[in-house]
């Protein structure tokens, strides 16, 4: 695989989200709106992203 990382950026607030969704946001290393992280493209990370895809932006 050529692209082994994904960059995710938190673009919506976690206010009103469930505790599980908030835990996924923290687990990805995101804190405030606008924060971004470059993560390994693994099945575990993709699963976490899928649960909160409506809060994120990708590159």
PDB file of N, CA and C in Angstrom:
ATOM      1  N   UNK A   1       0.833  -1.192   0.000  1.00  0.00           N
ATOM      2  CA  UNK A   1       0.000   0.000   0.000  1.00  0.00           C
ATOM      3  C   UNK A   1       0.873   1.249   0.000  1.00  0.00           C
ATOM      4  N   UNK A   2       0.533   2.169  -0.865  1.00  0.00           N
ATOM      5  CA  UNK A   2       1.312   3.392  -0.965  1.00  0.00           C
ATOM      6  C   UNK A   2       0.927   4.372   0.149  1.00  0.00           C
ATOM      7  N   UNK A   3      -0.374   4.484   0.444  1.00  0.00           N
ATOM      8  CA  UNK A   3      -0.840   5.454   1.433  1.00  0.00           C
ATOM      9  C   UNK A   3      -1.164   4.737   2.735  1.00  0.00           C
ATOM     10  N   UNK A   4      -0.239   4.769   3.700  1.00  0.00           N
ATOM     11  CA  UNK A   4      -0.427   4.040   4.947  1.00  0.00           C
ATOM     12  C   UNK A   4      -0.910   4.917   6.085  1.00  0.00           C
ATOM     13  N   UNK A   5      -1.204   6.182   5.793  1.00  0.00           N
ATOM     14  CA  UNK A   5      -1.708   7.079   6.827  1.00  0.00           C
ATOM     15  C   UNK A   5      -2.947   7.806   6.327  1.00  0.00           C
ATOM     16  N   UNK A   6      -3.759   8.237   7.280  1.00  0.00           N
ATOM     17  CA  UNK A   6      -4.904   9.098   6.974  1.00  0.00           C
ATOM     18  C   UNK A   6      -4.853  10.289   7.925  1.00  0.00           C
ATOM     19  N   UNK A   7      -5.282  11.429   7.454  1.00  0.00           N
ATOM     20  CA  UNK A   7      -5.338  12.628   8.281  1.00  0.00           C
ATOM     21  C   UNK A   7      -6.798  12.942   8.538  1.00  0.00           C
ATOM     22  N   UNK A   8      -7.149  13.051   9.820  1.00  0.00           N
ATOM     23  CA  UNK A   8      -8.525  13.375  10.203  1.00  0.00           C
ATOM     24  C   UNK A   8      -8.525  14.699  10.949  1.00  0.00           C
ATOM     25  N   UNK A   9      -9.569  15.479  10.725  1.00  0.00           N
ATOM     26  CA  UNK A   9      -9.708  16.781  11.365  1.00  0.00           C
ATOM     27  C   UNK A   9     -11.103  16.876  11.960  1.00  0.00           C
ATOM     28  N   UNK A  10     -11.194  17.291  13.220  1.00  0.00           N
ATOM     29  CA  UNK A  10     -12.481  17.452  13.895  1.00  0.00           C
ATOM     30  C   UNK A  10     -13.098  18.770  13.448  1.00  0.00           C
ATOM     31  N   UNK A  11     -14.259  18.704  12.799  1.00  0.00           N
ATOM     32  CA  UNK A  11     -14.881  19.927  12.275  1.00  0.00           C
ATOM     33  C   UNK A  11     -16.220  20.245  12.940  1.00  0.00           C
ATOM     34  N   UNK A  12     -16.745  19.321  13.747  1.00  0.00           N
ATOM     35  CA  UNK A  12     -17.992  19.577  14.463  1.00  0.00           C
ATOM     36  C   UNK A  12     -17.801  19.269  15.936  1.00  0.00           C
ATOM     37  N   UNK A  13     -18.607  19.898  16.771  1.00  0.00           N
ATOM     38  CA  UNK A  13     -18.504  19.747  18.214  1.00  0.00           C
ATOM     39  C   UNK A  13     -19.023  18.386  18.678  1.00  0.00           C
ATOM     40  N   UNK A  14     -18.483  17.922  19.803  1.00  0.00           N
ATOM     41  CA  UNK A  14     -18.951  16.660  20.384  1.00  0.00           C
ATOM     42  C   UNK A  14     -20.069  16.890  21.395  1.00  0.00           C
ATOM     43  N   UNK A  15     -20.498  18.144  21.569  1.00  0.00           N
ATOM     44  CA  UNK A  15     -21.627  18.427  22.447  1.00  0.00           C
ATOM     45  C   UNK A  15     -22.858  17.748  21.857  1.00  0.00           C
ATOM     46  N   UNK A  16     -23.553  16.986  22.659  1.00  0.00           N
ATOM     47  CA  UNK A  16     -24.730  16.276  22.194  1.00  0.00           C
ATOM     48  C   UNK A  16     -24.438  14.890  21.676  1.00  0.00           C
ATOM     49  N   UNK A  17     -23.175  14.509  21.599  1.00  0.00           N
ATOM     50  CA  UNK A  17     -22.800  13.169  21.163  1.00  0.00           C
ATOM     51  C   UNK A  17     -22.887  12.200  22.340  1.00  0.00           C
ATOM     52  N   UNK A  18     -22.974  10.936  22.026  1.00  0.00           N
ATOM     53  CA  UNK A  18     -22.990   9.924  23.074  1.00  0.00           C
ATOM     54  C   UNK A  18     -21.594   9.786  23.678  1.00  0.00           C
ATOM     55  N   UNK A  19     -21.518   9.146  24.836  1.00  0.00           N
ATOM     56  CA  UNK A  19     -20.228   8.942  25.490  1.00  0.00           C
ATOM     57  C   UNK A  19     -19.295   8.085  24.633  1.00  0.00           C
ATOM     58  N   UNK A  20     -19.848   7.114  23.923  1.00  0.00           N
ATOM     59  CA  UNK A  20     -19.027   6.273  23.054  1.00  0.00           C
ATOM     60  C   UNK A  20     -18.413   7.083  21.923  1.00  0.00           C
ATOM     61  N   UNK A  21     -19.200   7.995  21.354  1.00  0.00           N
ATOM     62  CA  UNK A  21     -18.676   8.839  20.287  1.00  0.00           C
ATOM     63  C   UNK A  21     -17.590   9.764  20.811  1.00  0.00           C
ATOM     64  N   UNK A  22     -17.796  10.328  22.004  1.00  0.00           N
ATOM     65  CA  UNK A  22     -16.780  11.191  22.607  1.00  0.00           C
ATOM     66  C   UNK A  22     -15.504  10.397  22.877  1.00  0.00           C
ATOM     67  N   UNK A  23     -15.650   9.151  23.306  1.00  0.00           N
ATOM     68  CA  UNK A  23     -14.491   8.297  23.561  1.00  0.00           C
ATOM     69  C   UNK A  23     -13.729   8.018  22.269  1.00  0.00           C
ATOM     70  N   UNK A  24     -14.438   7.844  21.168  1.00  0.00           N
ATOM     71  CA  UNK A  24     -13.779   7.633  19.873  1.00  0.00           C
ATOM     72  C   UNK A  24     -13.001   8.872  19.434  1.00  0.00           C
ATOM     73  N   UNK A  25     -13.576  10.040  19.660  1.00  0.00           N
ATOM     74  CA  UNK A  25     -12.882  11.284  19.306  1.00  0.00           C
ATOM     75  C   UNK A  25     -11.588  11.387  20.105  1.00  0.00           C
ATOM     76  N   UNK A  26     -11.659  11.140  21.404  1.00  0.00           N
ATOM     77  CA  UNK A  26     -10.461  11.198  22.250  1.00  0.00           C
ATOM     78  C   UNK A  26      -9.474  10.103  21.882  1.00  0.00           C
ATOM     79  N   UNK A  27      -9.990   8.929  21.537  1.00  0.00           N
ATOM     80  CA  UNK A  27      -9.126   7.818  21.161  1.00  0.00           C
ATOM     81  C   UNK A  27      -8.334   8.087  19.895  1.00  0.00           C
ATOM     82  N   UNK A  28      -8.884   8.902  19.026  1.00  0.00           N
ATOM     83  CA  UNK A  28      -8.173   9.289  17.807  1.00  0.00           C
ATOM     84  C   UNK A  28      -7.186  10.420  18.073  1.00  0.00           C
ATOM     85  N   UNK A  29      -7.210  10.969  19.286  1.00  0.00           N
ATOM     86  CA  UNK A  29      -6.262  12.023  19.640  1.00  0.00           C
ATOM     87  C   UNK A  29      -6.736  13.416  19.301  1.00  0.00           C
ATOM     88  N   UNK A  30      -8.031  13.576  19.109  1.00  0.00           N
ATOM     89  CA  UNK A  30      -8.584  14.886  18.767  1.00  0.00           C
ATOM     90  C   UNK A  30      -9.154  15.537  20.020  1.00  0.00           C
ATOM     91  N   UNK A  31      -8.943  16.850  20.161  1.00  0.00           N
ATOM     92  CA  UNK A  31      -9.405  17.557  21.353  1.00  0.00           C
ATOM     93  C   UNK A  31     -10.433  18.629  21.005  1.00  0.00           C
ATOM     94  N   UNK A  32      -9.968  19.681  20.346  1.00  0.00           N
ATOM     95  CA  UNK A  32     -10.835  20.809  20.043  1.00  0.00           C
ATOM     96  C   UNK A  32     -11.240  20.794  18.575  1.00  0.00           C
ATOM     97  N   UNK A  33     -12.268  21.559  18.245  1.00  0.00           N
ATOM     98  CA  UNK A  33     -12.656  21.725  16.848  1.00  0.00           C
ATOM     99  C   UNK A  33     -11.471  22.324  16.097  1.00  0.00           C
ATOM    100  N   UNK A  34     -11.155  21.752  14.959  1.00  0.00           N
ATOM    101  CA  UNK A  34     -10.030  22.222  14.163  1.00  0.00           C
ATOM    102  C   UNK A  34      -8.754  21.433  14.389  1.00  0.00           C
ATOM    103  N   UNK A  35      -8.726  20.603  15.445  1.00  0.00           N
ATOM    104  CA  UNK A  35      -7.521  19.804  15.676  1.00  0.00           C
ATOM    105  C   UNK A  35      -7.475  18.652  14.679  1.00  0.00           C
ATOM    106  N   UNK A  36      -6.264  18.274  14.286  1.00  0.00           N
ATOM    107  CA  UNK A  36      -6.121  17.203  13.309  1.00  0.00           C
ATOM    108  C   UNK A  36      -4.995  16.271  13.726  1.00  0.00           C
ATOM    109  N   UNK A  37      -5.053  15.055  13.219  1.00  0.00           N
ATOM    110  CA  UNK A  37      -4.040  14.055  13.507  1.00  0.00           C
ATOM    111  C   UNK A  37      -3.799  13.229  12.255  1.00  0.00           C
ATOM    112  N   UNK A  38      -2.572  12.797  12.087  1.00  0.00           N
ATOM    113  CA  UNK A  38      -2.232  11.857  11.031  1.00  0.00           C
ATOM    114  C   UNK A  38      -2.060  10.499  11.692  1.00  0.00           C
ATOM    115  N   UNK A  39      -2.864   9.536  11.269  1.00  0.00           N
ATOM    116  CA  UNK A  39      -2.929   8.230  11.912  1.00  0.00           C
ATOM    117  C   UNK A  39      -2.608   7.117  10.921  1.00  0.00           C
ATOM    118  N   UNK A  40      -2.194   5.970  11.447  1.00  0.00           N
ATOM    119  CA  UNK A  40      -1.971   4.802  10.599  1.00  0.00           C
ATOM    120  C   UNK A  40      -3.309   4.321  10.055  1.00  0.00           C
ATOM    121  N   UNK A  41      -3.301   3.870   8.813  1.00  0.00           N
ATOM    122  CA  UNK A  41      -4.522   3.400   8.167  1.00  0.00           C
ATOM    123  C   UNK A  41      -4.709   1.916   8.479  1.00  0.00           C
ATOM    124  N   UNK A  42      -5.203   1.642   9.700  1.00  0.00           N
ATOM    125  CA  UNK A  42      -5.431   0.266  10.137  1.00  0.00           C
ATOM    126  C   UNK A  42      -6.933   0.025  10.259  1.00  0.00           C
ATOM    127  N   UNK A  43      -7.359  -1.232  10.289  1.00  0.00           N
ATOM    128  CA  UNK A  43      -8.786  -1.518  10.459  1.00  0.00           C
ATOM    129  C   UNK A  43      -9.366  -0.927  11.745  1.00  0.00           C
ATOM    130  N   UNK A  44      -8.593  -0.915  12.822  1.00  0.00           N
ATOM    131  CA  UNK A  44      -9.080  -0.359  14.091  1.00  0.00           C
ATOM    132  C   UNK A  44      -9.349   1.138  13.971  1.00  0.00           C
ATOM    133  N   UNK A  45      -8.425   1.857  13.356  1.00  0.00           N
ATOM    134  CA  UNK A  45      -8.590   3.307  13.191  1.00  0.00           C
ATOM    135  C   UNK A  45      -9.752   3.591  12.254  1.00  0.00           C
ATOM    136  N   UNK A  46      -9.846   2.836  11.157  1.00  0.00           N
ATOM    137  CA  UNK A  46     -10.954   3.047  10.213  1.00  0.00           C
ATOM    138  C   UNK A  46     -12.297   2.782  10.882  1.00  0.00           C
ATOM    139  N   UNK A  47     -12.369   1.809  11.772  1.00  0.00           N
ATOM    140  CA  UNK A  47     -13.605   1.520  12.491  1.00  0.00           C
ATOM    141  C   UNK A  47     -14.003   2.659  13.410  1.00  0.00           C
ATOM    142  N   UNK A  48     -13.019   3.245  14.094  1.00  0.00           N
ATOM    143  CA  UNK A  48     -13.297   4.384  14.972  1.00  0.00           C
ATOM    144  C   UNK A  48     -13.780   5.581  14.163  1.00  0.00           C
ATOM    145  N   UNK A  49     -13.136   5.809  13.013  1.00  0.00           N
ATOM    146  CA  UNK A  49     -13.516   6.924  12.148  1.00  0.00           C
ATOM    147  C   UNK A  49     -14.939   6.726  11.631  1.00  0.00           C
ATOM    148  N   UNK A  50     -15.280   5.503  11.281  1.00  0.00           N
ATOM    149  CA  UNK A  50     -16.606   5.216  10.739  1.00  0.00           C
ATOM    150  C   UNK A  50     -17.714   5.562  11.732  1.00  0.00           C
ATOM    151  N   UNK A  51     -17.442   5.394  13.027  1.00  0.00           N
ATOM    152  CA  UNK A  51     -18.443   5.679  14.057  1.00  0.00           C
ATOM    153  C   UNK A  51     -18.718   7.168  14.222  1.00  0.00           C
ATOM    154  N   UNK A  52     -17.740   8.003  13.865  1.00  0.00           N
ATOM    155  CA  UNK A  52     -17.899   9.456  14.066  1.00  0.00           C
ATOM    156  C   UNK A  52     -17.629  10.228  12.776  1.00  0.00           C
ATOM    157  N   UNK A  53     -17.898   9.577  11.636  1.00  0.00           N
ATOM    158  CA  UNK A  53     -17.589  10.173  10.341  1.00  0.00           C
ATOM    159  C   UNK A  53     -18.293  11.511  10.137  1.00  0.00           C
ATOM    160  N   UNK A  54     -19.450  11.703  10.776  1.00  0.00           N
ATOM    161  CA  UNK A  54     -20.207  12.946  10.616  1.00  0.00           C
ATOM    162  C   UNK A  54     -19.558  14.136  11.332  1.00  0.00           C
ATOM    163  N   UNK A  55     -18.555  13.883  12.146  1.00  0.00           N
ATOM    164  CA  UNK A  55     -17.857  14.946  12.870  1.00  0.00           C
ATOM    165  C   UNK A  55     -16.508  15.302  12.252  1.00  0.00           C
ATOM    166  N   UNK A  56     -16.071  14.522  11.266  1.00  0.00           N
ATOM    167  CA  UNK A  56     -14.706  14.611  10.764  1.00  0.00           C
ATOM    168  C   UNK A  56     -14.612  15.081   9.321  1.00  0.00           C
ATOM    169  N   UNK A  57     -13.397  15.488   8.965  1.00  0.00           N
ATOM    170  CA  UNK A  57     -13.020  15.814   7.590  1.00  0.00           C
ATOM    171  C   UNK A  57     -11.717  15.044   7.321  1.00  0.00           C
ATOM    172  N   UNK A  58     -11.510  14.612   6.081  1.00  0.00           N
ATOM    173  CA  UNK A  58     -10.352  13.775   5.752  1.00  0.00           C
ATOM    174  C   UNK A  58      -9.441  14.424   4.739  1.00  0.00           C
ATOM    175  N   UNK A  59      -8.192  13.897   4.706  1.00  0.00           N
ATOM    176  CA  UNK A  59      -7.237  14.247   3.642  1.00  0.00           C
ATOM    177  C   UNK A  59      -6.487  13.001   3.276  1.00  0.00           C
TER     178      UNK A  59
END
